[in-house]
Structure formats: C-alpha cells, structure tokens
Amino acid sequence: MSGFANFWAQGDLITRGVAVLLLLMSVSAWVVIFWKGWLLKRVQADIERAVPAFWAAPTLAAAREQLANFDREQAVSPLLAAATATPPGGTLEARGHVDSQLTRRLRDALHGVLAQLQFGQVLLASIGSTAPFIGLFGTVWGIYHALISISAAGSITIERVSGPVGEALVMTAAGLAVAIPAVLAYNIFGKLVGACEAELEGFAHDLREMLADDAKDGKAAAG
C-alpha cells in the first residue's frame, strides 16, 4: 500500500487519471457482478416455478394468475402477453397466418426478455478486455515519468531506479485485479443467461403450439 501511496504522490496527472479510471472500472464491475448475480438467481428460480405452475393450471386465465404469482422479474409473463395479444385490425400483421403472428410476437418478446437478462454483459466484457492494457499503460507511463525525474536529478543508480519502477508495476497488477473478476463473471453469467434462454425458448415453443391449435380448433368449430 505504501508503494502505491508513493506512486500516487510522485505521479503526474496522467498517472493519477489512470489509477482513478481503474478504480471506477473496478467499482462498476463489482456493482454489475452483485446485481446480475442476484437478478439471474431470481430469474432462474422464477422460471423453475412459473413454467410448471402455468402448465398445471386448468385454464389460461388461471395460468396467467400463476405467472403473476411466481414471475417476480417478468421473464415469462411477457411471452404470454405477446402470444395472447390481438393485432390491430387493418394491419399487415393481422392479415398474417395465426402461426406466423404467434411466432413474430413471441420472438420479439423473447428478444426483449433476453436483452434485460444480458444487460451489463457488454460492460463486463469491455472492462475485462481493456483493464489490463490500461494498467500496462499506467506502468509504462509511470516508469517513463520516474526515469525522467531520476535523469533530471543527475545520478542514476540501480537503487534509485528499482524503487520507482517497482511502484509503477503496481498499475499492471491493478489492471489484472480489475479484469480477472470481470472476465470470470462474464463467462459465468453468459452460461446462466444461456440456460434461461433455453428454458424460455422451450416455453415459447410450447405456448405457440397450444395457442395455434386452439385457434385452429376454433376455426373448425365455427366452420
């Protein structure tokens, strides 16, 4: 810690700017990590309870109530709302086949839910990929700044060089400390989002088949 304090005291505006940037990146990454970990845990639990409860309901109205009770993060309910929506009359959507209408609306709703689940992934990926290079830049700049200061002093010895160089290397370590948790979290969250996506796609497919069959049966009975 004393090495970083000396590095901060001896550093210029650029050096301190790099340190502050790494600190902000670290705070942002950990905020996203804790938030997404909490969110995805709730979404997984919601899907595990809501989907079986939906199919166990005797009617569509009862199934809708079951989703309202279990779907706390609104991961499944938007699919049902989209599937049961009525397209405006006189539009191209209303002229399409029932199967096509269901497919389109469910696809759009699924994309919206996945966008919600994937929120923050880009930030984690960006931090994980750039933080090491930002830290390396801070190290290079710190070494350059230290060597310039030592050269201006008029005497260069290994003792005078090793201290500032060692302190500058702290920036590289800081960059790695910021990047590693972000990369690990990005990979873990990507796997969790993929599992949720597979469950939601399965539900959307089964829901589409049920409603399409109901529409066909209704047309046959009317005919």
C-alpha atoms as a PDB file:
ATOM      1  CA  MET A   1       0.000   0.000   0.000  1.00  0.00           C
ATOM      2  CA  SER A   2       2.907   2.327   0.766  1.00  0.00           C
ATOM      3  CA  GLY A   3       4.273   1.655  -2.713  1.00  0.00           C
ATOM      4  CA  PHE A   4       1.024   2.780  -4.271  1.00  0.00           C
ATOM      5  CA  ALA A   5       0.956   5.842  -1.985  1.00  0.00           C
ATOM      6  CA  ASN A   6       4.441   6.814  -3.137  1.00  0.00           C
ATOM      7  CA  PHE A   7       3.466   6.129  -6.726  1.00  0.00           C
ATOM      8  CA  TRP A   8       0.408   8.358  -6.336  1.00  0.00           C
ATOM      9  CA  ALA A   9       2.380  11.137  -4.648  1.00  0.00           C
ATOM     10  CA  GLN A  10       5.105  11.115  -7.288  1.00  0.00           C
ATOM     11  CA  GLY A  11       2.782  10.612 -10.258  1.00  0.00           C
ATOM     12  CA  ASP A  12       1.549  13.257 -12.643  1.00  0.00           C
ATOM     13  CA  LEU A  13      -1.973  13.958 -13.906  1.00  0.00           C
ATOM     14  CA  ILE A  14      -1.957  11.073 -16.392  1.00  0.00           C
ATOM     15  CA  THR A  15      -0.741   8.560 -13.834  1.00  0.00           C
ATOM     16  CA  ARG A  16      -3.400   9.570 -11.337  1.00  0.00           C
ATOM     17  CA  GLY A  17      -6.036   9.608 -14.076  1.00  0.00           C
ATOM     18  CA  VAL A  18      -5.220   6.003 -14.971  1.00  0.00           C
ATOM     19  CA  ALA A  19      -5.454   4.992 -11.312  1.00  0.00           C
ATOM     20  CA  VAL A  20      -8.840   6.697 -10.912  1.00  0.00           C
ATOM     21  CA  LEU A  21     -10.094   5.103 -14.137  1.00  0.00           C
ATOM     22  CA  LEU A  22      -9.118   1.633 -12.911  1.00  0.00           C
ATOM     23  CA  LEU A  23     -10.859   2.320  -9.614  1.00  0.00           C
ATOM     24  CA  LEU A  24     -14.055   3.388 -11.385  1.00  0.00           C
ATOM     25  CA  MET A  25     -13.904   0.323 -13.636  1.00  0.00           C
ATOM     26  CA  SER A  26     -13.474  -1.938 -10.620  1.00  0.00           C
ATOM     27  CA  VAL A  27     -16.416  -0.384  -8.763  1.00  0.00           C
ATOM     28  CA  SER A  28     -18.605  -0.589 -11.878  1.00  0.00           C
ATOM     29  CA  ALA A  29     -17.683  -4.231 -12.467  1.00  0.00           C
ATOM     30  CA  TRP A  30     -18.458  -5.278  -8.901  1.00  0.00           C
ATOM     31  CA  VAL A  31     -21.765  -3.413  -8.892  1.00  0.00           C
ATOM     32  CA  VAL A  32     -22.800  -5.259 -12.064  1.00  0.00           C
ATOM     33  CA  ILE A  33     -21.492  -8.568 -10.700  1.00  0.00           C
ATOM     34  CA  PHE A  34     -23.524  -8.376  -7.497  1.00  0.00           C
ATOM     35  CA  TRP A  35     -26.622  -7.046  -9.257  1.00  0.00           C
ATOM     36  CA  LYS A  36     -26.605  -9.597 -12.081  1.00  0.00           C
ATOM     37  CA  GLY A  37     -25.822 -12.455  -9.730  1.00  0.00           C
ATOM     38  CA  TRP A  38     -28.881 -11.536  -7.662  1.00  0.00           C
ATOM     39  CA  LEU A  39     -31.056 -10.981 -10.738  1.00  0.00           C
ATOM     40  CA  LEU A  40     -30.179 -14.203 -12.551  1.00  0.00           C
ATOM     41  CA  LYS A  41     -30.643 -16.239  -9.381  1.00  0.00           C
ATOM     42  CA  ARG A  42     -34.164 -14.849  -9.035  1.00  0.00           C
ATOM     43  CA  VAL A  43     -34.937 -15.356 -12.724  1.00  0.00           C
ATOM     44  CA  GLN A  44     -33.832 -18.980 -12.625  1.00  0.00           C
ATOM     45  CA  ALA A  45     -35.990 -19.588  -9.564  1.00  0.00           C
ATOM     46  CA  ASP A  46     -38.923 -17.806 -11.238  1.00  0.00           C
ATOM     47  CA  ILE A  47     -38.691 -19.919 -14.379  1.00  0.00           C
ATOM     48  CA  GLU A  48     -38.380 -23.163 -12.412  1.00  0.00           C
ATOM     49  CA  ARG A  49     -41.576 -22.382 -10.513  1.00  0.00           C
ATOM     50  CA  ALA A  50     -43.610 -20.354 -13.013  1.00  0.00           C
ATOM     51  CA  VAL A  51     -43.459 -22.649 -16.047  1.00  0.00           C
ATOM     52  CA  PRO A  52     -44.659 -25.837 -14.273  1.00  0.00           C
ATOM     53  CA  ALA A  53     -47.328 -23.815 -12.455  1.00  0.00           C
ATOM     54  CA  PHE A  54     -48.517 -22.402 -15.792  1.00  0.00           C
ATOM     55  CA  TRP A  55     -48.962 -25.799 -17.395  1.00  0.00           C
ATOM     56  CA  ALA A  56     -50.604 -27.194 -14.264  1.00  0.00           C
ATOM     57  CA  ALA A  57     -53.348 -24.540 -14.357  1.00  0.00           C
ATOM     58  CA  PRO A  58     -56.772 -25.683 -15.640  1.00  0.00           C
ATOM     59  CA  THR A  59     -57.450 -22.595 -17.773  1.00  0.00           C
ATOM     60  CA  LEU A  60     -55.473 -19.857 -19.474  1.00  0.00           C
ATOM     61  CA  ALA A  61     -56.843 -17.275 -17.040  1.00  0.00           C
ATOM     62  CA  ALA A  62     -55.703 -19.365 -14.079  1.00  0.00           C
ATOM     63  CA  ALA A  63     -52.332 -19.881 -15.753  1.00  0.00           C
ATOM     64  CA  ARG A  64     -51.954 -16.123 -16.113  1.00  0.00           C
ATOM     65  CA  GLU A  65     -52.560 -15.728 -12.385  1.00  0.00           C
ATOM     66  CA  GLN A  66     -49.937 -18.363 -11.636  1.00  0.00           C
ATOM     67  CA  LEU A  67     -47.383 -16.452 -13.672  1.00  0.00           C
ATOM     68  CA  ALA A  68     -48.247 -13.253 -11.808  1.00  0.00           C
ATOM     69  CA  ASN A  69     -47.572 -15.035  -8.525  1.00  0.00           C
ATOM     70  CA  PHE A  70     -44.259 -16.653  -9.438  1.00  0.00           C
ATOM     71  CA  ASP A  71     -42.719 -14.476 -12.172  1.00  0.00           C
ATOM     72  CA  ARG A  72     -41.181 -11.761  -9.977  1.00  0.00           C
ATOM     73  CA  GLU A  73     -38.695 -10.493 -12.581  1.00  0.00           C
ATOM     74  CA  GLN A  74     -41.129 -10.598 -15.523  1.00  0.00           C
ATOM     75  CA  ALA A  75     -39.130 -13.134 -17.505  1.00  0.00           C
ATOM     76  CA  VAL A  76     -42.032 -15.404 -18.531  1.00  0.00           C
ATOM     77  CA  SER A  77     -45.104 -13.145 -18.386  1.00  0.00           C
ATOM     78  CA  PRO A  78     -44.084 -11.013 -21.416  1.00  0.00           C
ATOM     79  CA  LEU A  79     -44.168 -14.159 -23.573  1.00  0.00           C
ATOM     80  CA  LEU A  80     -47.744 -14.941 -22.566  1.00  0.00           C
ATOM     81  CA  ALA A  81     -48.791 -11.308 -23.004  1.00  0.00           C
ATOM     82  CA  ALA A  82     -47.304 -11.234 -26.502  1.00  0.00           C
ATOM     83  CA  ALA A  83     -48.825 -14.567 -27.501  1.00  0.00           C
ATOM     84  CA  THR A  84     -52.339 -13.626 -26.401  1.00  0.00           C
ATOM     85  CA  ALA A  85     -52.260 -10.073 -27.793  1.00  0.00           C
ATOM     86  CA  THR A  86     -54.663  -9.165 -30.587  1.00  0.00           C
ATOM     87  CA  PRO A  87     -53.062  -7.405 -33.557  1.00  0.00           C
ATOM     88  CA  PRO A  88     -54.672  -4.141 -34.676  1.00  0.00           C
ATOM     89  CA  GLY A  89     -57.231  -4.579 -37.407  1.00  0.00           C
ATOM     90  CA  GLY A  90     -56.386  -3.473 -40.916  1.00  0.00           C
ATOM     91  CA  THR A  91     -52.648  -4.116 -40.489  1.00  0.00           C
ATOM     92  CA  LEU A  92     -50.336  -6.498 -42.294  1.00  0.00           C
ATOM     93  CA  GLU A  93     -49.765  -8.308 -39.026  1.00  0.00           C
ATOM     94  CA  ALA A  94     -53.489  -9.022 -38.685  1.00  0.00           C
ATOM     95  CA  ARG A  95     -53.576 -10.420 -42.232  1.00  0.00           C
ATOM     96  CA  GLY A  96     -50.867 -12.962 -41.496  1.00  0.00           C
ATOM     97  CA  HIS A  97     -51.465 -16.587 -40.618  1.00  0.00           C
ATOM     98  CA  VAL A  98     -52.043 -17.299 -36.927  1.00  0.00           C
ATOM     99  CA  ASP A  99     -48.845 -19.348 -36.689  1.00  0.00           C
ATOM    100  CA  SER A 100     -46.822 -16.530 -38.224  1.00  0.00           C
ATOM    101  CA  GLN A 101     -48.386 -13.941 -35.931  1.00  0.00           C
ATOM    102  CA  LEU A 102     -47.576 -16.023 -32.849  1.00  0.00           C
ATOM    103  CA  THR A 103     -44.028 -16.681 -33.997  1.00  0.00           C
ATOM    104  CA  ARG A 104     -43.374 -12.996 -34.650  1.00  0.00           C
ATOM    105  CA  ARG A 105     -44.804 -11.749 -31.368  1.00  0.00           C
ATOM    106  CA  LEU A 106     -43.129 -14.444 -29.276  1.00  0.00           C
ATOM    107  CA  ARG A 107     -39.795 -13.816 -30.990  1.00  0.00           C
ATOM    108  CA  ASP A 108     -39.972 -10.096 -30.263  1.00  0.00           C
ATOM    109  CA  ALA A 109     -40.981 -10.696 -26.643  1.00  0.00           C
ATOM    110  CA  LEU A 110     -38.184 -13.225 -26.160  1.00  0.00           C
ATOM    111  CA  HIS A 111     -35.638 -10.781 -27.545  1.00  0.00           C
ATOM    112  CA  GLY A 112     -36.867  -8.162 -25.089  1.00  0.00           C
ATOM    113  CA  VAL A 113     -36.514 -10.507 -22.112  1.00  0.00           C
ATOM    114  CA  LEU A 114     -33.050 -11.623 -23.206  1.00  0.00           C
ATOM    115  CA  ALA A 115     -31.953  -8.014 -23.606  1.00  0.00           C
ATOM    116  CA  GLN A 116     -32.972  -7.467 -19.997  1.00  0.00           C
ATOM    117  CA  LEU A 117     -31.050 -10.548 -18.835  1.00  0.00           C
ATOM    118  CA  GLN A 118     -27.952  -9.634 -20.847  1.00  0.00           C
ATOM    119  CA  PHE A 119     -27.830  -6.051 -19.617  1.00  0.00           C
ATOM    120  CA  GLY A 120     -24.389  -5.311 -18.184  1.00  0.00           C
ATOM    121  CA  GLN A 121     -22.614  -8.051 -20.140  1.00  0.00           C
ATOM    122  CA  VAL A 122     -21.062  -5.553 -22.536  1.00  0.00           C
ATOM    123  CA  LEU A 123     -19.680  -3.547 -19.611  1.00  0.00           C
ATOM    124  CA  LEU A 124     -18.091  -6.629 -18.055  1.00  0.00           C
ATOM    125  CA  ALA A 125     -16.598  -7.682 -21.390  1.00  0.00           C
ATOM    126  CA  SER A 126     -15.236  -4.203 -22.021  1.00  0.00           C
ATOM    127  CA  ILE A 127     -13.673  -3.957 -18.567  1.00  0.00           C
ATOM    128  CA  GLY A 128     -12.206  -7.435 -18.796  1.00  0.00           C
ATOM    129  CA  SER A 129     -10.610  -6.750 -22.160  1.00  0.00           C
ATOM    130  CA  THR A 130      -9.311  -3.213 -21.579  1.00  0.00           C
ATOM    131  CA  ALA A 131      -8.315  -3.057 -17.903  1.00  0.00           C
ATOM    132  CA  PRO A 132      -5.012  -4.982 -18.337  1.00  0.00           C
ATOM    133  CA  PHE A 133      -3.911  -2.648 -21.130  1.00  0.00           C
ATOM    134  CA  ILE A 134      -4.916   0.436 -19.155  1.00  0.00           C
ATOM    135  CA  GLY A 135      -2.881  -0.858 -16.227  1.00  0.00           C
ATOM    136  CA  LEU A 136       0.049  -1.590 -18.534  1.00  0.00           C
ATOM    137  CA  PHE A 137      -0.165   1.917 -19.937  1.00  0.00           C
ATOM    138  CA  GLY A 138      -0.080   3.275 -16.392  1.00  0.00           C
ATOM    139  CA  THR A 139       3.026   1.217 -15.685  1.00  0.00           C
ATOM    140  CA  VAL A 140       4.816   2.351 -18.827  1.00  0.00           C
ATOM    141  CA  TRP A 141       3.933   5.967 -18.206  1.00  0.00           C
ATOM    142  CA  GLY A 142       4.945   5.688 -14.558  1.00  0.00           C
ATOM    143  CA  ILE A 143       8.325   4.201 -15.465  1.00  0.00           C
ATOM    144  CA  TYR A 144       8.871   6.896 -18.079  1.00  0.00           C
ATOM    145  CA  HIS A 145       7.927   9.607 -15.610  1.00  0.00           C
ATOM    146  CA  ALA A 146      10.199   8.094 -12.941  1.00  0.00           C
ATOM    147  CA  LEU A 147      13.167   7.819 -15.307  1.00  0.00           C
ATOM    148  CA  ILE A 148      12.739  11.420 -16.398  1.00  0.00           C
ATOM    149  CA  SER A 149      12.742  12.532 -12.759  1.00  0.00           C
ATOM    150  CA  ILE A 150      15.830  10.447 -11.960  1.00  0.00           C
ATOM    151  CA  SER A 151      17.640  11.715 -15.038  1.00  0.00           C
ATOM    152  CA  ALA A 152      16.914  15.296 -14.033  1.00  0.00           C
ATOM    153  CA  ALA A 153      18.430  14.564 -10.625  1.00  0.00           C
ATOM    154  CA  GLY A 154      21.763  13.854 -12.335  1.00  0.00           C
ATOM    155  CA  SER A 155      22.615  10.469 -10.830  1.00  0.00           C
ATOM    156  CA  ILE A 156      21.225   7.103 -11.927  1.00  0.00           C
ATOM    157  CA  THR A 157      21.820   4.026  -9.810  1.00  0.00           C
ATOM    158  CA  ILE A 158      20.045   0.704  -9.578  1.00  0.00           C
ATOM    159  CA  GLU A 159      18.703   1.670  -6.157  1.00  0.00           C
ATOM    160  CA  ARG A 160      17.190   4.900  -7.483  1.00  0.00           C
ATOM    161  CA  VAL A 161      15.637   3.091 -10.464  1.00  0.00           C
ATOM    162  CA  SER A 162      14.293  -0.063  -8.790  1.00  0.00           C
ATOM    163  CA  GLY A 163      12.022   1.800  -6.350  1.00  0.00           C
ATOM    164  CA  PRO A 164      10.030   3.898  -8.849  1.00  0.00           C
ATOM    165  CA  VAL A 165       9.901   1.038 -11.370  1.00  0.00           C
ATOM    166  CA  GLY A 166       8.597  -1.354  -8.745  1.00  0.00           C
ATOM    167  CA  GLU A 167       5.939   1.148  -7.707  1.00  0.00           C
ATOM    168  CA  ALA A 168       4.920   1.673 -11.332  1.00  0.00           C
ATOM    169  CA  LEU A 169       4.398  -2.071 -11.755  1.00  0.00           C
ATOM    170  CA  VAL A 170       1.562  -1.794  -9.240  1.00  0.00           C
ATOM    171  CA  MET A 171      -0.561  -0.388 -12.065  1.00  0.00           C
ATOM    172  CA  THR A 172      -0.193  -3.592 -14.077  1.00  0.00           C
ATOM    173  CA  ALA A 173      -1.250  -5.640 -11.069  1.00  0.00           C
ATOM    174  CA  ALA A 174      -4.183  -3.292 -10.528  1.00  0.00           C
ATOM    175  CA  GLY A 175      -5.286  -3.726 -14.136  1.00  0.00           C
ATOM    176  CA  LEU A 176      -5.244  -7.506 -13.787  1.00  0.00           C
ATOM    177  CA  ALA A 177      -7.097  -7.310 -10.465  1.00  0.00           C
ATOM    178  CA  VAL A 178      -9.849  -5.326 -12.194  1.00  0.00           C
ATOM    179  CA  ALA A 179     -10.013  -7.516 -15.309  1.00  0.00           C
ATOM    180  CA  ILE A 180      -9.976 -11.030 -13.838  1.00  0.00           C
ATOM    181  CA  PRO A 181     -13.238 -10.800 -11.826  1.00  0.00           C
ATOM    182  CA  ALA A 182     -14.973  -9.122 -14.770  1.00  0.00           C
ATOM    183  CA  VAL A 183     -13.931 -11.881 -17.189  1.00  0.00           C
ATOM    184  CA  LEU A 184     -14.903 -14.680 -14.808  1.00  0.00           C
ATOM    185  CA  ALA A 185     -18.274 -13.061 -14.102  1.00  0.00           C
ATOM    186  CA  TYR A 186     -18.901 -12.506 -17.812  1.00  0.00           C
ATOM    187  CA  ASN A 187     -18.349 -16.201 -18.552  1.00  0.00           C
ATOM    188  CA  ILE A 188     -20.480 -17.389 -15.624  1.00  0.00           C
ATOM    189  CA  PHE A 189     -23.327 -15.005 -16.401  1.00  0.00           C
ATOM    190  CA  GLY A 190     -23.196 -15.947 -20.073  1.00  0.00           C
ATOM    191  CA  LYS A 191     -23.760 -19.581 -19.124  1.00  0.00           C
ATOM    192  CA  LEU A 192     -26.628 -18.672 -16.786  1.00  0.00           C
ATOM    193  CA  VAL A 193     -28.294 -16.463 -19.391  1.00  0.00           C
ATOM    194  CA  GLY A 194     -27.933 -19.254 -21.944  1.00  0.00           C
ATOM    195  CA  ALA A 195     -29.682 -21.683 -19.595  1.00  0.00           C
ATOM    196  CA  CYS A 196     -32.527 -19.209 -19.030  1.00  0.00           C
ATOM    197  CA  GLU A 197     -32.773 -18.607 -22.777  1.00  0.00           C
ATOM    198  CA  ALA A 198     -33.144 -22.331 -23.459  1.00  0.00           C
ATOM    199  CA  GLU A 199     -35.954 -22.618 -20.899  1.00  0.00           C
ATOM    200  CA  LEU A 200     -37.755 -19.562 -22.254  1.00  0.00           C
ATOM    201  CA  GLU A 201     -37.435 -20.745 -25.847  1.00  0.00           C
ATOM    202  CA  GLY A 202     -38.930 -24.089 -24.858  1.00  0.00           C
ATOM    203  CA  PHE A 203     -41.826 -22.384 -23.101  1.00  0.00           C
ATOM    204  CA  ALA A 204     -42.396 -20.058 -26.065  1.00  0.00           C
ATOM    205  CA  HIS A 205     -42.446 -23.020 -28.469  1.00  0.00           C
ATOM    206  CA  ASP A 206     -44.930 -24.985 -26.374  1.00  0.00           C
ATOM    207  CA  LEU A 207     -47.099 -21.907 -25.850  1.00  0.00           C
ATOM    208  CA  ARG A 208     -47.145 -21.204 -29.570  1.00  0.00           C
ATOM    209  CA  GLU A 209     -48.202 -24.762 -30.367  1.00  0.00           C
ATOM    210  CA  MET A 210     -51.014 -24.672 -27.796  1.00  0.00           C
ATOM    211  CA  LEU A 211     -52.445 -21.352 -28.944  1.00  0.00           C
ATOM    212  CA  ALA A 212     -52.095 -22.269 -32.625  1.00  0.00           C
ATOM    213  CA  ASP A 213     -54.003 -25.497 -32.014  1.00  0.00           C
ATOM    214  CA  ASP A 214     -56.690 -23.586 -30.094  1.00  0.00           C
ATOM    215  CA  ALA A 215     -57.053 -21.152 -32.994  1.00  0.00           C
ATOM    216  CA  LYS A 216     -57.380 -23.991 -35.491  1.00  0.00           C
ATOM    217  CA  ASP A 217     -59.948 -25.757 -33.339  1.00  0.00           C
ATOM    218  CA  GLY A 218     -61.909 -22.508 -33.024  1.00  0.00           C
ATOM    219  CA  LYS A 219     -61.970 -22.028 -36.783  1.00  0.00           C
ATOM    220  CA  ALA A 220     -63.047 -25.640 -37.314  1.00  0.00           C
ATOM    221  CA  ALA A 221     -65.874 -25.285 -34.807  1.00  0.00           C
ATOM    222  CA  ALA A 222     -67.016 -22.026 -36.422  1.00  0.00           C
ATOM    223  CA  GLY A 223     -66.926 -23.616 -39.835  1.00  0.00           C
END
